[in-house]
């Protein structure tokens, strides 16, 4: 059974940083493009960053230059470094495939507030 487990969220002041981590188990990991998604309260889940099996990345305009996605195919992990955080970055962050989305994990809450 495939499982996604996200961690690393928390409460941070504007301008601060966090590093999120996602562990993928029970699946062939390294052939898939993986993404980090964000869901703010009352809004739809959106894809904010993605990384191909070869390490090519792409970002939503709202996070470009501030967030960095990375992956370790040997460890089946995909991380998201969040810098220069803004209140509008607040939400629950999830990882998943970009194509062929599987069952969502519990996510990790990021709250940016002074």
C-alpha atoms as a PDB file:
ATOM      1  CA  UNK A   1       0.000   0.000   0.000  1.00  0.00           C
ATOM      2  CA  UNK A   2       1.385   3.370  -1.024  1.00  0.00           C
ATOM      3  CA  UNK A   3       1.753   5.866   1.764  1.00  0.00           C
ATOM      4  CA  UNK A   4       2.710   9.547   1.799  1.00  0.00           C
ATOM      5  CA  UNK A   5       3.862  11.073   5.069  1.00  0.00           C
ATOM      6  CA  UNK A   6       4.524  14.802   5.258  1.00  0.00           C
ATOM      7  CA  UNK A   7       6.283  16.598   8.106  1.00  0.00           C
ATOM      8  CA  UNK A   8       8.078  19.792   9.009  1.00  0.00           C
ATOM      9  CA  UNK A   9       5.298  22.335   9.194  1.00  0.00           C
ATOM     10  CA  UNK A  10       4.786  24.835  11.968  1.00  0.00           C
ATOM     11  CA  UNK A  11       4.164  28.424  12.980  1.00  0.00           C
ATOM     12  CA  UNK A  12       6.634  30.940  11.609  1.00  0.00           C
ATOM     13  CA  UNK A  13       6.811  34.722  11.378  1.00  0.00           C
ATOM     14  CA  UNK A  14       6.701  36.483   8.022  1.00  0.00           C
ATOM     15  CA  UNK A  15      10.116  36.334   6.411  1.00  0.00           C
ATOM     16  CA  UNK A  16      10.963  33.084   8.149  1.00  0.00           C
ATOM     17  CA  UNK A  17      11.825  29.661   6.750  1.00  0.00           C
ATOM     18  CA  UNK A  18      10.687  26.076   7.038  1.00  0.00           C
ATOM     19  CA  UNK A  19      11.730  22.814   5.469  1.00  0.00           C
ATOM     20  CA  UNK A  20       9.049  20.259   4.674  1.00  0.00           C
ATOM     21  CA  UNK A  21       9.753  16.610   4.049  1.00  0.00           C
ATOM     22  CA  UNK A  22       7.725  13.842   2.450  1.00  0.00           C
ATOM     23  CA  UNK A  23       8.471  10.147   2.662  1.00  0.00           C
ATOM     24  CA  UNK A  24       6.934   7.867   0.027  1.00  0.00           C
ATOM     25  CA  UNK A  25       6.596   4.192   0.822  1.00  0.00           C
ATOM     26  CA  UNK A  26       5.121   1.230  -0.985  1.00  0.00           C
ATOM     27  CA  UNK A  27       5.616   2.609  -4.473  1.00  0.00           C
ATOM     28  CA  UNK A  28       8.187   2.849  -7.200  1.00  0.00           C
ATOM     29  CA  UNK A  29       9.253   6.397  -6.466  1.00  0.00           C
ATOM     30  CA  UNK A  30      12.004   7.462  -8.800  1.00  0.00           C
ATOM     31  CA  UNK A  31      10.095   7.266 -12.081  1.00  0.00           C
ATOM     32  CA  UNK A  32       7.416   9.779 -11.098  1.00  0.00           C
ATOM     33  CA  UNK A  33       7.292  13.539 -11.210  1.00  0.00           C
ATOM     34  CA  UNK A  34       6.501  14.562  -7.654  1.00  0.00           C
ATOM     35  CA  UNK A  35       4.890  17.730  -6.435  1.00  0.00           C
ATOM     36  CA  UNK A  36       4.131  19.757  -3.356  1.00  0.00           C
ATOM     37  CA  UNK A  37       0.601  21.075  -3.118  1.00  0.00           C
ATOM     38  CA  UNK A  38      -0.916  23.693  -0.854  1.00  0.00           C
ATOM     39  CA  UNK A  39      -4.467  24.097   0.354  1.00  0.00           C
ATOM     40  CA  UNK A  40      -5.448  27.287   2.115  1.00  0.00           C
ATOM     41  CA  UNK A  41      -8.602  27.423   4.183  1.00  0.00           C
ATOM     42  CA  UNK A  42     -11.649  27.638   1.944  1.00  0.00           C
ATOM     43  CA  UNK A  43      -9.625  27.278  -1.243  1.00  0.00           C
ATOM     44  CA  UNK A  44      -8.832  24.498  -3.662  1.00  0.00           C
ATOM     45  CA  UNK A  45      -5.617  22.567  -3.435  1.00  0.00           C
ATOM     46  CA  UNK A  46      -2.965  24.001  -5.762  1.00  0.00           C
ATOM     47  CA  UNK A  47       0.318  22.669  -7.066  1.00  0.00           C
ATOM     48  CA  UNK A  48       3.143  24.973  -5.969  1.00  0.00           C
ATOM     49  CA  UNK A  49       6.272  23.029  -6.947  1.00  0.00           C
ATOM     50  CA  UNK A  50       7.177  19.945  -8.919  1.00  0.00           C
ATOM     51  CA  UNK A  51      10.282  17.941  -9.694  1.00  0.00           C
ATOM     52  CA  UNK A  52      10.833  15.311 -12.370  1.00  0.00           C
ATOM     53  CA  UNK A  53      12.623  12.038 -11.861  1.00  0.00           C
ATOM     54  CA  UNK A  54      15.702  13.662 -13.381  1.00  0.00           C
ATOM     55  CA  UNK A  55      15.580  16.684 -11.101  1.00  0.00           C
ATOM     56  CA  UNK A  56      14.039  19.342 -13.334  1.00  0.00           C
ATOM     57  CA  UNK A  57      11.871  21.722 -11.343  1.00  0.00           C
ATOM     58  CA  UNK A  58       8.969  24.047 -11.915  1.00  0.00           C
ATOM     59  CA  UNK A  59       7.210  26.458  -9.567  1.00  0.00           C
ATOM     60  CA  UNK A  60       4.014  28.398  -9.329  1.00  0.00           C
ATOM     61  CA  UNK A  61       4.563  32.106  -9.867  1.00  0.00           C
ATOM     62  CA  UNK A  62       3.481  32.833  -6.298  1.00  0.00           C
ATOM     63  CA  UNK A  63       6.422  30.899  -4.818  1.00  0.00           C
ATOM     64  CA  UNK A  64       9.071  31.238  -7.506  1.00  0.00           C
ATOM     65  CA  UNK A  65      12.380  32.408  -6.061  1.00  0.00           C
ATOM     66  CA  UNK A  66      11.310  31.610  -2.503  1.00  0.00           C
ATOM     67  CA  UNK A  67      10.613  27.865  -2.467  1.00  0.00           C
ATOM     68  CA  UNK A  68      12.972  25.083  -3.540  1.00  0.00           C
ATOM     69  CA  UNK A  69      11.926  21.502  -4.196  1.00  0.00           C
ATOM     70  CA  UNK A  70      14.388  18.620  -4.079  1.00  0.00           C
ATOM     71  CA  UNK A  71      14.282  14.837  -4.029  1.00  0.00           C
ATOM     72  CA  UNK A  72      16.394  11.907  -2.970  1.00  0.00           C
ATOM     73  CA  UNK A  73      15.518   8.872  -5.078  1.00  0.00           C
ATOM     74  CA  UNK A  74      17.599   6.569  -2.894  1.00  0.00           C
ATOM     75  CA  UNK A  75      15.618   7.540   0.201  1.00  0.00           C
ATOM     76  CA  UNK A  76      12.217   7.981  -1.486  1.00  0.00           C
ATOM     77  CA  UNK A  77      11.894  11.505  -0.140  1.00  0.00           C
ATOM     78  CA  UNK A  78      10.918  14.849  -1.598  1.00  0.00           C
ATOM     79  CA  UNK A  79      11.567  18.053   0.334  1.00  0.00           C
ATOM     80  CA  UNK A  80      10.384  21.621   0.042  1.00  0.00           C
ATOM     81  CA  UNK A  81      12.470  24.495   1.398  1.00  0.00           C
ATOM     82  CA  UNK A  82      10.283  27.507   2.130  1.00  0.00           C
ATOM     83  CA  UNK A  83      12.059  30.863   2.487  1.00  0.00           C
ATOM     84  CA  UNK A  84      10.843  34.441   2.808  1.00  0.00           C
ATOM     85  CA  UNK A  85       7.484  33.177   3.945  1.00  0.00           C
ATOM     86  CA  UNK A  86       4.413  35.367   3.636  1.00  0.00           C
ATOM     87  CA  UNK A  87       1.043  35.162   5.396  1.00  0.00           C
ATOM     88  CA  UNK A  88      -0.511  34.038   2.119  1.00  0.00           C
ATOM     89  CA  UNK A  89       1.691  30.919   2.225  1.00  0.00           C
ATOM     90  CA  UNK A  90      -0.406  29.654   5.132  1.00  0.00           C
ATOM     91  CA  UNK A  91      -2.116  26.342   4.468  1.00  0.00           C
ATOM     92  CA  UNK A  92      -1.808  22.592   4.618  1.00  0.00           C
ATOM     93  CA  UNK A  93       0.994  21.276   2.448  1.00  0.00           C
ATOM     94  CA  UNK A  94       0.822  17.873   0.781  1.00  0.00           C
ATOM     95  CA  UNK A  95       3.094  15.894  -1.492  1.00  0.00           C
ATOM     96  CA  UNK A  96       1.880  13.617  -4.258  1.00  0.00           C
ATOM     97  CA  UNK A  97       2.536  12.581  -7.796  1.00  0.00           C
ATOM     98  CA  UNK A  98       1.783  15.180 -10.426  1.00  0.00           C
ATOM     99  CA  UNK A  99       0.265  12.672 -12.838  1.00  0.00           C
ATOM    100  CA  UNK A 100      -1.690   9.753 -11.462  1.00  0.00           C
ATOM    101  CA  UNK A 101      -2.342  11.256  -8.038  1.00  0.00           C
ATOM    102  CA  UNK A 102      -2.614   8.620  -5.325  1.00  0.00           C
ATOM    103  CA  UNK A 103      -4.288   8.705  -1.908  1.00  0.00           C
ATOM    104  CA  UNK A 104      -3.395  11.905  -0.077  1.00  0.00           C
ATOM    105  CA  UNK A 105      -1.458  11.889   3.152  1.00  0.00           C
ATOM    106  CA  UNK A 106      -2.413  13.901   6.199  1.00  0.00           C
ATOM    107  CA  UNK A 107      -0.419  16.922   5.101  1.00  0.00           C
ATOM    108  CA  UNK A 108       1.526  19.312   7.287  1.00  0.00           C
ATOM    109  CA  UNK A 109       0.228  22.677   8.466  1.00  0.00           C
ATOM    110  CA  UNK A 110       2.210  25.813   7.726  1.00  0.00           C
ATOM    111  CA  UNK A 111       1.083  28.988   9.445  1.00  0.00           C
ATOM    112  CA  UNK A 112       2.785  32.293   8.696  1.00  0.00           C
ATOM    113  CA  UNK A 113       1.781  34.931  11.189  1.00  0.00           C
ATOM    114  CA  UNK A 114       3.276  37.579  13.413  1.00  0.00           C
END
